[in-house]
Amino acid sequence: MSTRVDAVDAFAQATFHLAAKANSRFFAIGLEDWTQAGISSATVFYDAIYGQTQDPVLYVFNVAYKKDIVGHLAVPGSRLAGNTLAYLNPSCKEPLESLLKAVHIAIGKVVTQKILEELPVVYSYPKLGVRIRLENGALRYFDLFDFHEINPATPPATQGCAVWSFWDEYPQGGDPAAAWDAQNGFIHTVTPNVAALVKSKKVNGVFRFQVARALGSAAVAPVRNYVEQNPPVTDAITAPCQIIGQPNDSYCAPTSLVMIYQYVYGTALNINDVAAKMGTDVVGTTFDAQVGAYNFYFGTDFNIVTTHQPTVQMLHDSIYNYLPLKSGILGHARVANGYSKDTFVDPKSGSVKMQTDSLLISDPLPVGQGSQRWDAWGANLRDFIILSRKTPG
């Protein structure tokens, strides 16, 4: 059986998750503008190293309301991801097509050699960019949002700025394809007839697909009705951090610590001072150096708990104690400051049909801005630093 997610499944999943997270009855934090939105189009993003020779990493959709883009929603391009949702991002409101055109123009200004291919890629999950292949076979990478060129070196044990392969690093424990099949089967029972809405095409050799704006909104409406009539049992809480944008490509780890410190103590730290304490360089920050800094800044009042295999319960308990935590993926540090579990139950039998666990991520990227989105649980989780209050005495 093929592991690649096709366009019909991807559209059905995007439609379902949009309806489930943003409807008139309830909506996830940050998705207030999504409650009447629909899907307008999508772009396929491939692995930064393997390109089109492997399953794509993500289908990224424009989420549109009337004539405006209100954000982006991503679903996996492979059944091996396990989840049918990757993330919902309301922070960027530019059409993907406009961003790709802008980065194409920016590349043309700095690259003088002949370009054989421009490919949308995920260069450090979930960072989006464009990979170009030159006539001499060399590969170069550019960020989709601010167009700067990315260091192509494989990262050592640091979190910062580099290019790496999602498929080389993605954890393969358990049976993710079976989990994906179970979610996808339920989604198709509440998103009928989506195949007729999807029109695929290739643009410069890259697969995309388009959904008429009216159809995209119309497709979501009956799914929203289903969700509102059969609402999930929802367990959700947030610890509202101030979003701070990292000042450069490599300062994600110190900026994440500053966000958590400001929430916990109500006092701002200087990011450069934290970076110096962490020994952050142009590549990034090692995990051990991050742990040392968390002990320095929080150790008086908190025990510092580290894990490379976090459980949902650990994250749930931390956020329910109103303690945001550092959420690490390979090559990047962010803050997790919200949790949501949606359990969909069959109204007749009472059996559980689908459960989704999501984390609210306060991300120090883009540089100078930061962003916030809902990530699916299990989206390449790498390491966590969790604060645990010390007991007096």
Protein backbone atom coordinates (compact mmCIF):
# COMPACT_ATOMS: atom_id res chain seq x y z
CA MET A 1 0.00 0.00 0.00
CA SER A 2 1.27 3.47 -0.89
CA THR A 3 2.30 5.66 2.00
CA ARG A 4 1.69 8.91 0.11
CA VAL A 5 -1.41 10.94 1.05
CA ASP A 6 -3.36 11.86 -2.09
CA ALA A 7 -5.07 15.19 -2.78
CA VAL A 8 -8.57 13.96 -1.93
CA ASP A 9 -7.53 12.65 1.48
CA ALA A 10 -5.53 15.81 2.18
CA PHE A 11 -8.47 18.06 1.32
CA ALA A 12 -10.87 15.97 3.41
CA GLN A 13 -8.52 16.14 6.40
CA ALA A 14 -8.00 19.89 6.05
CA THR A 15 -11.76 20.43 5.79
CA PHE A 16 -12.45 18.33 8.88
CA HIS A 17 -9.77 19.91 11.07
CA LEU A 18 -10.82 23.41 10.02
CA ALA A 19 -14.44 22.64 10.94
CA ALA A 20 -13.48 20.89 14.18
CA LYS A 21 -11.22 23.68 15.46
CA ALA A 22 -13.17 26.71 14.19
CA ASN A 23 -16.96 26.76 14.25
CA SER A 24 -19.68 28.94 15.77
CA ARG A 25 -20.04 26.74 18.84
CA PHE A 26 -16.39 26.82 19.86
CA PHE A 27 -13.03 27.67 18.37
CA ALA A 28 -9.43 27.21 19.39
CA ILE A 29 -7.52 30.26 20.62
CA GLY A 30 -6.26 32.37 17.72
CA LEU A 31 -8.77 30.92 15.24
CA GLU A 32 -11.55 33.46 15.83
CA ASP A 33 -11.35 34.62 12.19
CA TRP A 34 -11.61 31.05 10.90
CA THR A 35 -15.16 30.27 11.99
CA GLN A 36 -16.67 30.95 8.56
CA ALA A 37 -13.57 30.29 6.48
CA GLY A 38 -12.96 27.67 3.82
CA ILE A 39 -10.07 26.07 1.94
CA SER A 40 -9.02 27.86 -1.25
CA SER A 41 -5.84 26.12 -2.46
CA ALA A 42 -2.83 24.13 -1.39
CA THR A 43 0.84 23.71 -2.16
CA VAL A 44 2.82 20.51 -1.63
CA PHE A 45 6.07 20.87 0.32
CA TYR A 46 8.68 18.15 -0.06
CA ASP A 47 11.62 16.99 2.02
CA ALA A 48 14.59 19.35 1.84
CA ILE A 49 17.05 16.56 1.04
CA TYR A 50 15.07 13.92 -0.88
CA GLY A 51 12.75 16.25 -2.78
CA GLN A 52 10.16 14.52 -4.95
CA THR A 53 11.83 11.10 -4.66
CA GLN A 54 10.06 10.57 -1.29
CA ASP A 55 6.58 11.26 0.07
CA PRO A 56 5.94 14.97 0.49
CA VAL A 57 6.19 16.19 4.07
CA LEU A 58 3.20 18.56 4.05
CA TYR A 59 0.21 19.80 2.11
CA VAL A 60 -0.14 23.43 3.20
CA PHE A 61 -3.54 25.05 2.56
CA ASN A 62 -4.59 28.65 2.30
CA VAL A 63 -7.49 29.21 4.70
CA ALA A 64 -9.69 31.96 3.22
CA TYR A 65 -12.67 34.00 4.32
CA LYS A 66 -14.29 35.97 1.50
CA LYS A 67 -11.32 37.59 -0.29
CA ASP A 68 -8.85 37.38 2.58
CA ILE A 69 -6.38 34.74 3.66
CA VAL A 70 -6.76 34.25 7.41
CA GLY A 71 -3.99 31.69 7.88
CA HIS A 72 -2.66 28.32 6.80
CA LEU A 73 -3.47 24.73 7.72
CA ALA A 74 -1.10 21.83 7.08
CA VAL A 75 -1.72 18.10 6.87
CA PRO A 76 0.91 15.40 6.39
CA GLY A 77 1.87 14.22 2.94
CA SER A 78 2.54 10.68 4.15
CA ARG A 79 0.65 8.07 6.17
CA LEU A 80 3.91 7.51 8.07
CA ALA A 81 3.27 10.72 9.99
CA GLY A 82 0.50 9.03 12.01
CA ASN A 83 -1.56 12.22 12.50
CA THR A 84 -3.99 13.61 9.93
CA LEU A 85 -3.25 17.15 11.17
CA ALA A 86 0.16 18.80 11.21
CA TYR A 87 -0.70 22.34 12.33
CA LEU A 88 -3.10 25.28 12.12
CA ASN A 89 -1.31 28.62 11.79
CA PRO A 90 -3.30 31.87 11.96
CA SER A 91 -0.21 34.09 12.17
CA CYS A 92 0.66 34.42 8.47
CA LYS A 93 -2.08 35.89 6.29
CA GLU A 94 -0.28 35.89 2.93
CA PRO A 95 -1.33 33.50 0.13
CA LEU A 96 1.25 30.79 -0.39
CA GLU A 97 1.33 31.58 -4.10
CA SER A 98 2.32 35.18 -3.35
CA LEU A 99 5.05 34.06 -0.97
CA LEU A 100 6.45 31.61 -3.53
CA LYS A 101 6.44 34.32 -6.20
CA ALA A 102 8.20 36.76 -3.87
CA VAL A 103 10.92 34.28 -2.91
CA HIS A 104 11.38 33.46 -6.62
CA ILE A 105 12.05 37.15 -7.31
CA ALA A 106 14.40 37.40 -4.32
CA ILE A 107 16.36 34.33 -5.47
CA GLY A 108 16.74 35.84 -8.94
CA LYS A 109 18.46 38.87 -7.41
CA VAL A 110 21.19 36.89 -5.63
CA VAL A 111 21.70 33.77 -7.77
CA THR A 112 23.54 34.27 -11.04
CA GLN A 113 23.84 30.61 -12.15
CA LYS A 114 21.20 28.82 -14.19
CA ILE A 115 18.47 27.35 -11.97
CA LEU A 116 17.12 23.95 -13.05
CA GLU A 117 14.49 23.52 -10.31
CA GLU A 118 12.69 25.51 -7.61
CA LEU A 119 10.98 23.19 -5.14
CA PRO A 120 8.85 24.10 -2.09
CA VAL A 121 10.42 22.22 0.83
CA VAL A 122 10.27 21.76 4.58
CA TYR A 123 13.88 22.49 5.46
CA SER A 124 13.71 22.18 9.26
CA TYR A 125 10.29 20.95 10.31
CA PRO A 126 7.98 22.85 10.28
CA LYS A 127 9.95 25.66 8.60
CA LEU A 128 8.98 26.23 4.98
CA GLY A 129 11.29 27.29 2.19
CA VAL A 130 12.37 26.82 -1.41
CA ARG A 131 15.20 24.60 -2.58
CA ILE A 132 16.90 25.48 -5.84
CA ARG A 133 19.00 23.10 -7.91
CA LEU A 134 21.68 24.75 -10.01
CA GLU A 135 23.10 23.59 -13.33
CA ASN A 136 26.23 22.27 -11.56
CA GLY A 137 24.04 20.15 -9.24
CA ALA A 138 24.48 22.35 -6.17
CA LEU A 139 21.51 22.88 -3.85
CA ARG A 140 20.69 26.14 -2.10
CA TYR A 141 17.86 26.90 0.32
CA PHE A 142 15.82 30.05 1.02
CA ASP A 143 13.22 30.74 3.70
CA LEU A 144 9.68 31.22 2.39
CA PHE A 145 8.78 34.14 4.66
CA ASP A 146 11.80 36.43 4.78
CA PHE A 147 13.73 35.00 1.80
CA HIS A 148 17.12 34.72 3.56
CA GLU A 149 19.43 31.89 2.53
CA ILE A 150 19.65 28.94 4.93
CA ASN A 151 22.82 27.22 6.07
CA PRO A 152 22.68 23.81 4.30
CA ALA A 153 24.90 22.08 6.86
CA THR A 154 23.43 19.15 8.76
CA PRO A 155 22.92 20.38 12.34
CA PRO A 156 24.94 18.87 15.18
CA ALA A 157 23.17 18.53 18.53
CA THR A 158 21.93 22.13 18.38
CA GLN A 159 18.67 23.94 17.94
CA GLY A 160 19.01 26.94 15.66
CA CYS A 161 19.41 27.36 11.92
CA ALA A 162 20.22 24.53 9.51
CA VAL A 163 18.77 22.17 6.90
CA TRP A 164 17.93 18.56 7.69
CA SER A 165 15.84 15.71 6.29
CA PHE A 166 12.48 15.10 7.93
CA TRP A 167 12.44 11.50 6.69
CA ASP A 168 15.89 10.72 8.10
CA GLU A 169 14.92 12.02 11.52
CA TYR A 170 11.22 11.29 11.91
CA PRO A 171 10.63 8.84 14.79
CA GLN A 172 9.19 5.61 13.45
CA GLY A 173 8.04 3.90 16.66
CA GLY A 174 4.69 2.10 16.79
CA ASP A 175 2.43 1.83 13.75
CA PRO A 176 1.87 5.43 12.54
CA ALA A 177 0.26 4.35 9.25
CA ALA A 178 -2.44 2.42 11.13
CA ALA A 179 -3.12 5.46 13.32
CA TRP A 180 -3.38 7.62 10.21
CA ASP A 181 -5.76 5.13 8.53
CA ALA A 182 -8.06 5.10 11.58
CA GLN A 183 -8.30 8.91 11.68
CA ASN A 184 -8.68 9.20 7.92
CA GLY A 185 -11.48 6.59 7.85
CA PHE A 186 -13.52 8.53 10.40
CA ILE A 187 -12.88 11.84 8.62
CA HIS A 188 -14.24 10.49 5.32
CA THR A 189 -17.51 9.50 6.99
CA VAL A 190 -18.19 13.18 7.76
CA THR A 191 -16.62 14.76 4.64
CA PRO A 192 -18.47 13.09 1.74
CA ASN A 193 -18.05 13.97 -1.93
CA VAL A 194 -14.85 15.98 -1.56
CA ALA A 195 -13.25 14.37 -4.64
CA ALA A 196 -15.40 16.45 -6.99
CA LEU A 197 -14.00 19.67 -5.51
CA VAL A 198 -10.32 19.01 -6.07
CA LYS A 199 -8.61 20.11 -9.29
CA SER A 200 -4.94 19.21 -9.49
CA LYS A 201 -2.31 20.88 -11.64
CA LYS A 202 1.43 21.24 -11.93
CA VAL A 203 3.13 24.61 -11.68
CA ASN A 204 6.77 24.61 -12.81
CA GLY A 205 6.82 20.85 -12.35
CA VAL A 206 5.46 21.00 -8.80
CA PHE A 207 2.10 19.47 -7.89
CA ARG A 208 -0.52 21.82 -6.44
CA PHE A 209 -4.28 21.70 -6.35
CA GLN A 210 -6.97 24.32 -6.39
CA VAL A 211 -10.42 24.45 -4.88
CA ALA A 212 -12.89 27.07 -6.05
CA ARG A 213 -13.31 29.55 -3.20
CA ALA A 214 -17.08 29.07 -2.99
CA LEU A 215 -16.73 25.30 -3.05
CA GLY A 216 -14.02 25.39 -0.40
CA SER A 217 -16.35 27.24 1.96
CA ALA A 218 -19.36 25.14 0.99
CA ALA A 219 -17.42 21.94 1.67
CA VAL A 220 -16.67 23.01 5.22
CA ALA A 221 -20.24 24.03 6.08
CA PRO A 222 -21.78 20.52 6.38
CA VAL A 223 -18.77 19.34 8.36
CA ARG A 224 -19.17 22.27 10.75
CA ASN A 225 -22.84 21.32 11.09
CA TYR A 226 -21.83 17.76 11.96
CA VAL A 227 -19.33 18.94 14.55
CA GLU A 228 -21.80 21.37 16.10
CA GLN A 229 -24.52 18.68 16.29
CA ASN A 230 -22.07 16.04 17.54
CA PRO A 231 -19.49 18.13 19.41
CA PRO A 232 -16.36 16.45 20.71
CA VAL A 233 -15.68 16.13 24.38
CA THR A 234 -13.01 18.81 24.77
CA ASP A 235 -10.36 19.13 27.44
CA ALA A 236 -8.43 22.37 26.87
CA ILE A 237 -6.43 24.98 28.75
CA THR A 238 -3.94 27.71 27.86
CA ALA A 239 -1.28 29.67 29.73
CA PRO A 240 -1.14 32.86 27.64
CA CYS A 241 2.50 33.75 27.02
CA GLN A 242 3.53 36.93 25.26
CA ILE A 243 4.88 35.97 21.84
CA ILE A 244 8.42 37.26 21.29
CA GLY A 245 10.23 37.04 17.96
CA GLN A 246 13.80 35.80 18.03
CA PRO A 247 16.29 38.50 16.91
CA ASN A 248 18.16 36.25 14.45
CA ASP A 249 18.17 32.75 12.94
CA SER A 250 19.94 30.98 15.79
CA TYR A 251 18.39 32.52 18.95
CA CYS A 252 15.27 30.33 19.19
CA ALA A 253 16.38 28.65 22.46
CA PRO A 254 17.20 31.81 24.44
CA THR A 255 14.06 33.54 23.15
CA SER A 256 11.92 30.58 24.25
CA LEU A 257 13.39 30.75 27.76
CA VAL A 258 12.67 34.50 27.88
CA MET A 259 9.01 33.90 26.95
CA ILE A 260 8.60 31.33 29.75
CA TYR A 261 10.45 33.46 32.31
CA GLN A 262 8.33 36.52 31.54
CA TYR A 263 5.13 34.48 31.98
CA VAL A 264 6.27 32.83 35.24
CA TYR A 265 7.87 35.85 36.94
CA GLY A 266 6.34 38.81 35.08
CA THR A 267 9.81 40.18 34.40
CA ALA A 268 11.60 40.53 31.08
CA LEU A 269 15.09 39.15 30.53
CA ASN A 270 17.58 40.37 27.96
CA ILE A 271 17.75 37.82 25.15
CA ASN A 272 21.44 38.51 24.50
CA ASP A 273 22.25 37.85 28.16
CA VAL A 274 20.39 34.54 28.04
CA ALA A 275 22.13 33.62 24.77
CA ALA A 276 25.50 34.31 26.41
CA LYS A 277 24.57 32.10 29.36
CA MET A 278 23.56 29.34 26.90
CA GLY A 279 26.67 29.73 24.75
CA THR A 280 24.48 30.20 21.68
CA ASP A 281 26.48 30.66 18.48
CA VAL A 282 25.63 31.21 14.80
CA VAL A 283 24.40 27.61 14.49
CA GLY A 284 22.30 27.44 17.63
CA THR A 285 22.28 26.06 21.17
CA THR A 286 22.97 22.58 22.52
CA PHE A 287 20.38 20.86 24.66
CA ASP A 288 22.74 20.56 27.64
CA ALA A 289 23.47 24.29 27.49
CA GLN A 290 19.74 25.02 27.49
CA VAL A 291 19.24 22.82 30.56
CA GLY A 292 22.06 24.66 32.33
CA ALA A 293 20.43 28.02 31.61
CA TYR A 294 17.01 26.82 32.83
CA ASN A 295 18.64 25.71 36.08
CA PHE A 296 20.33 29.11 36.40
CA TYR A 297 17.17 31.17 35.83
CA PHE A 298 14.53 28.90 37.37
CA GLY A 299 16.44 26.57 39.71
CA THR A 300 15.67 28.46 42.92
CA ASP A 301 11.93 27.82 42.65
CA PHE A 302 11.63 24.89 40.25
CA ASN A 303 13.06 21.48 39.53
CA ILE A 304 14.08 21.18 35.89
CA VAL A 305 12.69 18.02 34.28
CA THR A 306 14.01 16.95 30.88
CA THR A 307 12.71 14.27 28.56
CA HIS A 308 13.25 13.12 24.99
CA GLN A 309 10.13 10.94 25.08
CA PRO A 310 7.37 13.10 26.54
CA THR A 311 3.93 11.65 27.16
CA VAL A 312 0.69 13.51 26.57
CA GLN A 313 0.02 13.33 30.31
CA MET A 314 3.28 15.09 31.19
CA LEU A 315 2.48 18.00 28.90
CA HIS A 316 -1.16 18.10 30.03
CA ASP A 317 -0.12 18.25 33.71
CA SER A 318 2.44 21.02 33.17
CA ILE A 319 0.06 23.30 31.29
CA TYR A 320 -2.79 22.55 33.74
CA ASN A 321 -0.44 23.84 36.44
CA TYR A 322 -0.09 27.01 34.33
CA LEU A 323 3.54 26.32 33.57
CA PRO A 324 4.50 26.72 29.90
CA LEU A 325 7.30 24.43 28.80
CA LYS A 326 10.06 24.40 26.25
CA SER A 327 9.03 22.21 23.30
CA GLY A 328 11.95 21.09 21.15
CA ILE A 329 12.00 19.63 17.70
CA LEU A 330 15.17 18.83 15.78
CA GLY A 331 16.79 22.13 14.88
CA HIS A 332 14.33 24.41 16.69
CA ALA A 333 13.10 25.45 20.15
CA ARG A 334 9.62 26.77 20.88
CA VAL A 335 7.24 27.19 23.83
CA ALA A 336 4.19 24.98 24.41
CA ASN A 337 1.63 26.94 26.39
CA GLY A 338 -1.70 25.32 25.58
CA TYR A 339 -3.21 21.85 25.37
CA SER A 340 -6.39 20.51 23.78
CA LYS A 341 -7.84 17.01 23.52
CA ASP A 342 -10.91 16.50 21.33
CA THR A 343 -12.72 13.15 21.60
CA PHE A 344 -15.32 12.41 18.94
CA VAL A 345 -17.94 9.90 20.08
CA ASP A 346 -20.54 8.06 17.98
CA PRO A 347 -23.90 9.55 19.07
CA LYS A 348 -25.68 6.20 18.77
CA SER A 349 -23.25 3.67 20.18
CA GLY A 350 -21.20 5.95 22.43
CA SER A 351 -17.98 4.46 21.07
CA VAL A 352 -14.94 6.67 20.59
CA LYS A 353 -14.37 7.37 16.89
CA MET A 354 -11.38 9.68 16.99
CA GLN A 355 -9.17 11.51 19.48
CA THR A 356 -6.83 14.38 18.69
CA ASP A 357 -4.26 15.90 21.05
CA SER A 358 -2.91 19.33 20.15
CA LEU A 359 -0.37 21.73 21.64
CA LEU A 360 -0.59 25.50 21.39
CA ILE A 361 2.87 26.53 20.25
CA SER A 362 4.27 30.02 20.78
CA ASP A 363 7.07 30.06 18.24
CA PRO A 364 9.90 32.64 18.21
CA LEU A 365 9.89 32.42 14.41
CA PRO A 366 9.59 34.30 12.09
CA VAL A 367 12.58 36.40 13.10
CA GLY A 368 11.50 39.65 14.75
CA GLN A 369 7.84 38.61 14.87
CA GLY A 370 7.12 35.23 16.39
CA SER A 371 3.90 33.32 15.74
CA GLN A 372 1.36 31.03 17.36
CA ARG A 373 -0.24 27.87 16.03
CA TRP A 374 -1.80 24.57 17.04
CA ASP A 375 0.49 21.58 16.45
CA ALA A 376 -0.71 18.00 16.39
CA TRP A 377 0.69 15.86 19.16
CA GLY A 378 3.55 13.72 17.90
CA ALA A 379 4.69 16.16 15.19
CA ASN A 380 8.39 15.21 15.39
CA LEU A 381 8.71 15.88 19.10
CA ARG A 382 12.34 15.82 20.10
CA ASP A 383 12.97 17.18 23.61
CA PHE A 384 11.19 19.04 26.37
CA ILE A 385 12.27 21.09 29.37
CA ILE A 386 9.53 21.14 32.00
CA LEU A 387 9.35 23.19 35.20
CA SER A 388 8.16 21.44 38.36
CA ARG A 389 7.52 23.60 41.45
CA LYS A 390 9.67 22.75 44.41
CA THR A 391 7.82 21.78 47.59
CA PRO A 392 8.60 24.11 50.51
CA GLY A 393 10.75 22.73 53.32
